[in-house]
Amino acid sequence: MTAKPRLVIGAGAVFLLWLLSTTLYTVSEVQEALIVRLGAPIGVVNEPGLKFKVPLVDSVIYYDRRLLTLEPSVEQVILGDQKRIEVQTYTRFRIADPLRFYNAVRTVELAQPQLAQLVSSSLRRELGQVMLPSLLSENRSHIVELIQKEVADKAKDVGIEVVEVRFHRADLPLETSQAIYDRMTSERQREAKELRAQGFEWAQLIQAKADRERTVILSEAQRQAKITRGTADAEANQILSSAFGKDPQFYKLYRSLQTYRQALANAGPTIVLSPDTEFLRYFKTGPGTLSQH
């Protein structure tokens, strides 16, 4: 065989291979294929496997069937009470209708900015109607559900199914956080001063009440002590009077001895007295003088 037939056969084989490659295409389990004929979409292939198309006429555009994630940058949102917060969301979506998606946005790269704009618009609309305390309470999940529903309804028009919209973060700006922290600190310091003043006032009241009760108790105790002491003195005098009536001479001796004890108890080691004084009569004569009086 000469070189020319070989060249023709080789060229024919290359053409057949090229024609075959433009005729056959594959669809994987995680893909959907959109068939576009001369610039117009004609159908969607969902089943995986080896497929055929018209060469030089049909083109294939692949879309991912799996969930895709959109994470836009942080943006500031004004709440209903004019508070500013920094919010970052994440959105999980899939291409539900490749034909509508192609007619509306063509590619995922072009769809992401539009979807991010939908999320941002719904986010600002819903958060602009709520107060900061509501966003920090159990109502937050309800607010997020409203945002997700609104985004999902609008995304259907471009063939996108929005599965989830959530807050990745929702924080106060740094300057706002510092202002709130300073205000909370001042409020706590004011409350602490009020509590200290109230505690001091209560302490004064308790102390005054305790002093008053102490005075009353002491007065009552002193009064009772005087009554008891008076009663005891009366009984003692009665006993002494009874004893004096039975033996007056012994009573005089007993009283003299008590006088000696009281007079000499605080005296020095030496005491000077006249030997004829009546005070020393019992020192001279002893108790025997009782019979003489």
Protein backbone atom coordinates (compact mmCIF):
# COMPACT_ATOMS: atom_id res chain seq x y z
CA MET A 1 0.00 0.00 0.00
CA THR A 2 1.36 3.34 -1.02
CA ALA A 3 1.72 6.35 1.27
CA LYS A 4 -1.25 8.19 -0.19
CA PRO A 5 -3.89 5.55 0.65
CA ARG A 6 -2.41 5.26 4.09
CA LEU A 7 -2.73 9.00 4.53
CA VAL A 8 -6.34 8.89 3.41
CA ILE A 9 -7.15 6.02 5.74
CA GLY A 10 -5.45 7.80 8.64
CA ALA A 11 -7.31 11.02 7.93
CA GLY A 12 -10.57 9.11 7.71
CA ALA A 13 -9.89 7.40 11.05
CA VAL A 14 -9.14 10.75 12.67
CA PHE A 15 -12.32 12.20 11.24
CA LEU A 16 -14.37 9.28 12.52
CA LEU A 17 -12.84 9.64 15.97
CA TRP A 18 -13.57 13.35 15.97
CA LEU A 19 -17.11 12.75 14.74
CA LEU A 20 -17.61 10.11 17.41
CA SER A 21 -16.29 12.44 20.13
CA THR A 22 -18.69 15.17 19.01
CA THR A 23 -21.57 12.71 18.95
CA LEU A 24 -21.08 10.98 22.30
CA TYR A 25 -21.10 12.57 25.75
CA THR A 26 -21.43 11.27 29.32
CA VAL A 27 -23.55 12.40 32.23
CA SER A 28 -22.41 11.54 35.78
CA GLU A 29 -24.60 10.83 38.80
CA VAL A 30 -24.08 14.35 40.20
CA GLN A 31 -24.78 16.19 36.96
CA GLU A 32 -27.62 17.27 34.71
CA ALA A 33 -27.01 17.97 31.04
CA LEU A 34 -28.76 20.71 29.10
CA ILE A 35 -28.81 20.16 25.34
CA VAL A 36 -28.53 23.38 23.35
CA ARG A 37 -29.18 23.22 19.61
CA LEU A 38 -27.94 26.16 17.63
CA GLY A 39 -28.13 28.37 20.71
CA ALA A 40 -31.62 27.28 21.79
CA PRO A 41 -32.07 24.82 24.71
CA ILE A 42 -34.11 21.80 23.66
CA GLY A 43 -34.01 19.39 26.58
CA VAL A 44 -32.53 18.21 29.84
CA VAL A 45 -30.87 14.86 30.45
CA ASN A 46 -31.13 13.64 34.05
CA GLU A 47 -30.14 9.99 33.73
CA PRO A 48 -26.43 9.26 34.05
CA GLY A 49 -24.61 7.31 31.36
CA LEU A 50 -23.37 7.57 27.78
CA LYS A 51 -25.56 9.77 25.57
CA PHE A 52 -25.74 10.86 21.93
CA LYS A 53 -26.18 14.26 20.35
CA VAL A 54 -26.16 15.76 16.91
CA PRO A 55 -22.59 16.66 16.07
CA LEU A 56 -21.75 20.23 15.13
CA VAL A 57 -25.33 21.24 15.98
CA ASP A 58 -25.89 20.32 19.61
CA SER A 59 -23.81 21.47 22.56
CA VAL A 60 -23.98 20.22 26.12
CA ILE A 61 -23.97 22.38 29.28
CA TYR A 62 -23.49 20.56 32.58
CA TYR A 63 -25.06 21.66 35.85
CA ASP A 64 -24.29 20.25 39.29
CA ARG A 65 -27.26 18.49 40.92
CA ARG A 66 -25.77 18.71 44.40
CA LEU A 67 -26.41 21.43 46.95
CA LEU A 68 -24.34 24.54 46.39
CA THR A 69 -23.34 27.07 49.03
CA LEU A 70 -23.40 30.84 48.77
CA GLU A 71 -21.54 32.84 51.43
CA PRO A 72 -21.68 36.57 50.67
CA SER A 73 -19.50 39.06 52.49
CA VAL A 74 -20.46 40.75 55.75
CA GLU A 75 -22.90 43.65 55.41
CA GLN A 76 -24.32 46.20 57.83
CA VAL A 77 -28.07 46.20 58.37
CA ILE A 78 -30.18 48.80 60.20
CA LEU A 79 -32.78 47.27 62.52
CA GLY A 80 -36.22 48.61 63.36
CA ASP A 81 -34.85 50.38 66.46
CA GLN A 82 -32.12 52.03 64.35
CA LYS A 83 -29.42 49.72 65.74
CA ARG A 84 -26.75 48.64 63.28
CA ILE A 85 -25.55 45.04 63.14
CA GLU A 86 -23.07 43.22 60.94
CA VAL A 87 -24.64 40.17 59.34
CA GLN A 88 -23.13 37.38 57.27
CA THR A 89 -25.45 34.74 55.85
CA TYR A 90 -24.97 31.46 54.08
CA THR A 91 -27.41 30.00 51.58
CA ARG A 92 -27.68 26.42 50.37
CA PHE A 93 -29.36 25.94 47.01
CA ARG A 94 -29.57 23.66 44.00
CA ILE A 95 -30.47 24.06 40.36
CA ALA A 96 -33.99 22.66 40.21
CA ASP A 97 -34.89 23.61 36.63
CA PRO A 98 -31.84 23.71 34.32
CA LEU A 99 -33.86 24.98 31.36
CA ARG A 100 -35.29 27.95 33.26
CA PHE A 101 -31.93 28.51 34.93
CA TYR A 102 -30.19 28.68 31.55
CA ASN A 103 -32.71 31.11 30.10
CA ALA A 104 -32.49 33.36 33.18
CA VAL A 105 -28.85 33.41 34.25
CA ARG A 106 -26.91 30.92 32.10
CA THR A 107 -24.17 29.94 34.59
CA VAL A 108 -23.72 29.44 38.32
CA GLU A 109 -21.08 32.18 38.38
CA LEU A 110 -23.64 34.66 37.05
CA ALA A 111 -26.41 33.32 39.30
CA GLN A 112 -24.55 33.74 42.57
CA PRO A 113 -24.47 37.58 42.55
CA GLN A 114 -28.19 37.70 41.74
CA LEU A 115 -29.01 35.22 44.51
CA ALA A 116 -26.84 37.19 46.91
CA GLN A 117 -28.81 40.31 46.00
CA LEU A 118 -32.08 38.51 46.69
CA VAL A 119 -30.82 37.40 50.10
CA SER A 120 -29.55 40.88 50.93
CA SER A 121 -32.85 42.54 49.93
CA SER A 122 -34.95 40.10 51.96
CA LEU A 123 -32.54 40.38 54.87
CA ARG A 124 -32.75 44.17 54.99
CA ARG A 125 -36.53 44.14 54.54
CA GLU A 126 -37.21 41.71 57.39
CA LEU A 127 -34.58 42.97 59.83
CA GLY A 128 -35.69 46.55 59.23
CA GLN A 129 -38.97 45.67 60.96
CA VAL A 130 -37.61 44.01 64.13
CA MET A 131 -35.86 45.27 67.24
CA LEU A 132 -32.50 44.07 68.51
CA PRO A 133 -34.00 42.24 71.54
CA SER A 134 -36.24 40.24 69.19
CA LEU A 135 -33.25 39.22 67.11
CA LEU A 136 -31.52 37.98 70.27
CA SER A 137 -34.56 36.04 71.50
CA GLU A 138 -36.34 32.88 70.41
CA ASN A 139 -38.05 34.91 67.64
CA ARG A 140 -34.80 34.80 65.68
CA SER A 141 -35.65 31.44 64.11
CA HIS A 142 -39.01 32.82 62.92
CA ILE A 143 -37.28 35.84 61.38
CA VAL A 144 -34.84 33.58 59.53
CA GLU A 145 -37.71 31.44 58.26
CA LEU A 146 -39.40 34.51 56.81
CA ILE A 147 -36.19 35.51 55.03
CA GLN A 148 -35.72 32.00 53.67
CA LYS A 149 -39.31 31.78 52.41
CA GLU A 150 -39.08 35.11 50.63
CA VAL A 151 -35.76 34.23 48.98
CA ALA A 152 -37.04 30.78 47.96
CA ASP A 153 -40.17 32.21 46.35
CA LYS A 154 -38.18 34.69 44.28
CA ALA A 155 -35.47 32.20 43.35
CA LYS A 156 -37.99 29.85 41.76
CA ASP A 157 -38.31 32.27 38.86
CA VAL A 158 -34.72 31.55 37.82
CA GLY A 159 -34.92 27.78 38.35
CA ILE A 160 -33.18 27.73 41.75
CA GLU A 161 -34.45 25.84 44.79
CA VAL A 162 -33.32 27.50 48.00
CA VAL A 163 -33.04 24.86 50.71
CA GLU A 164 -31.67 26.89 53.60
CA VAL A 165 -30.83 30.45 54.57
CA ARG A 166 -29.08 30.94 57.90
CA PHE A 167 -27.07 33.54 59.79
CA HIS A 168 -23.40 32.69 59.79
CA ARG A 169 -22.83 35.60 62.18
CA ALA A 170 -24.83 38.57 63.45
CA ASP A 171 -22.76 40.92 65.61
CA LEU A 172 -22.86 44.52 66.63
CA PRO A 173 -20.21 46.76 65.04
CA LEU A 174 -17.15 47.30 67.19
CA GLU A 175 -17.96 50.92 68.01
CA THR A 176 -21.57 50.03 68.86
CA SER A 177 -20.48 47.12 71.02
CA GLN A 178 -18.09 49.38 72.93
CA ALA A 179 -20.80 52.01 73.45
CA ILE A 180 -23.25 49.38 74.71
CA TYR A 181 -20.58 47.92 76.97
CA ASP A 182 -19.81 51.36 78.43
CA ARG A 183 -23.51 52.05 78.96
CA MET A 184 -24.00 48.68 80.66
CA THR A 185 -20.98 49.34 82.86
CA SER A 186 -22.36 52.73 83.90
CA GLU A 187 -25.77 51.20 84.59
CA ARG A 188 -24.27 48.45 86.74
CA GLN A 189 -22.18 50.97 88.65
CA ARG A 190 -25.28 53.10 89.28
CA GLU A 191 -27.21 50.05 90.49
CA ALA A 192 -24.28 49.09 92.73
CA LYS A 193 -24.27 52.57 94.30
CA GLU A 194 -28.02 52.41 94.87
CA LEU A 195 -27.72 48.98 96.47
CA ARG A 196 -24.87 50.15 98.70
CA ALA A 197 -26.87 53.22 99.78
CA GLN A 198 -29.92 51.08 100.43
CA GLY A 199 -27.82 48.57 102.36
CA PHE A 200 -26.31 51.37 104.47
CA GLU A 201 -29.81 52.72 105.20
CA TRP A 202 -31.00 49.26 106.20
CA ALA A 203 -27.93 48.83 108.39
CA GLN A 204 -28.69 52.13 110.13
CA LEU A 205 -32.30 51.09 110.72
CA ILE A 206 -31.27 47.70 112.05
CA GLN A 207 -28.62 49.28 114.30
CA ALA A 208 -31.11 51.86 115.64
CA LYS A 209 -33.69 49.15 116.28
CA ALA A 210 -31.09 47.00 118.05
CA ASP A 211 -29.95 49.94 120.20
CA ARG A 212 -33.55 50.75 121.08
CA GLU A 213 -34.29 47.16 122.03
CA ARG A 214 -31.03 47.01 124.02
CA THR A 215 -32.02 50.15 125.95
CA VAL A 216 -35.47 48.72 126.67
CA ILE A 217 -34.02 45.39 127.77
CA LEU A 218 -31.41 47.05 130.01
CA SER A 219 -34.02 49.34 131.53
CA GLU A 220 -36.33 46.42 132.19
CA ALA A 221 -33.47 44.41 133.65
CA GLN A 222 -32.38 47.28 135.90
CA ARG A 223 -35.95 47.83 137.03
CA GLN A 224 -36.37 44.16 137.77
CA ALA A 225 -33.00 44.11 139.55
CA LYS A 226 -34.03 47.05 141.75
CA ILE A 227 -37.29 45.34 142.56
CA THR A 228 -35.49 42.11 143.41
CA ARG A 229 -32.84 43.95 145.40
CA GLY A 230 -35.51 45.91 147.32
CA THR A 231 -37.42 42.73 148.03
CA ALA A 232 -34.25 41.02 149.21
CA ASP A 233 -33.30 43.97 151.42
CA ALA A 234 -36.77 43.98 152.94
CA GLU A 235 -36.54 40.28 153.65
CA ALA A 236 -33.05 40.74 155.07
CA ASN A 237 -34.22 43.56 157.32
CA GLN A 238 -37.14 41.46 158.42
CA ILE A 239 -34.82 38.59 159.26
CA LEU A 240 -32.48 40.93 161.13
CA SER A 241 -35.37 42.49 163.02
CA SER A 242 -36.59 39.05 163.99
CA ALA A 243 -33.11 38.07 165.09
CA PHE A 244 -32.71 41.33 167.04
CA GLY A 245 -35.94 40.61 168.86
CA LYS A 246 -34.71 37.18 169.93
CA ASP A 247 -31.20 38.25 171.13
CA PRO A 248 -30.48 41.99 171.07
CA GLN A 249 -27.01 41.63 172.60
CA PHE A 250 -25.85 39.17 169.90
CA TYR A 251 -27.28 41.44 167.22
CA LYS A 252 -25.26 44.36 168.59
CA LEU A 253 -22.12 42.21 168.54
CA TYR A 254 -22.81 41.06 164.97
CA ARG A 255 -23.38 44.63 163.82
CA SER A 256 -20.19 45.78 165.55
CA LEU A 257 -18.21 43.03 163.82
CA GLN A 258 -19.64 44.08 160.46
CA THR A 259 -18.63 47.65 161.24
CA TYR A 260 -15.08 46.52 162.08
CA ARG A 261 -14.87 44.61 158.81
CA GLN A 262 -16.08 47.51 156.71
CA ALA A 263 -13.99 50.13 158.56
CA LEU A 264 -10.76 48.19 158.74
CA ALA A 265 -10.89 46.40 155.39
CA ASN A 266 -9.47 49.34 153.42
CA ALA A 267 -7.27 50.69 156.28
CA GLY A 268 -3.49 50.60 156.24
CA PRO A 269 -1.31 48.24 158.26
CA THR A 270 -1.34 50.81 161.11
CA ILE A 271 -4.39 52.62 162.49
CA VAL A 272 -4.26 55.14 165.37
CA LEU A 273 -7.28 55.34 167.69
CA SER A 274 -7.91 56.51 171.26
CA PRO A 275 -7.98 53.54 173.65
CA ASP A 276 -11.07 54.91 175.35
CA THR A 277 -13.17 55.15 172.19
CA GLU A 278 -16.42 53.31 172.13
CA PHE A 279 -15.45 51.82 168.79
CA LEU A 280 -12.84 49.58 170.43
CA ARG A 281 -15.01 48.40 173.28
CA TYR A 282 -15.35 44.82 172.01
CA PHE A 283 -11.59 44.63 171.35
CA LYS A 284 -11.04 45.32 175.06
CA THR A 285 -13.78 43.33 176.76
CA GLY A 286 -14.71 40.73 174.09
CA PRO A 287 -18.16 39.25 173.75
CA GLY A 288 -18.44 38.92 177.50
CA THR A 289 -19.70 42.46 177.77
CA LEU A 290 -22.91 41.27 176.14
CA SER A 291 -24.28 40.25 179.50
CA GLN A 292 -23.59 43.67 180.92
CA HIS A 293 -25.75 45.51 178.44
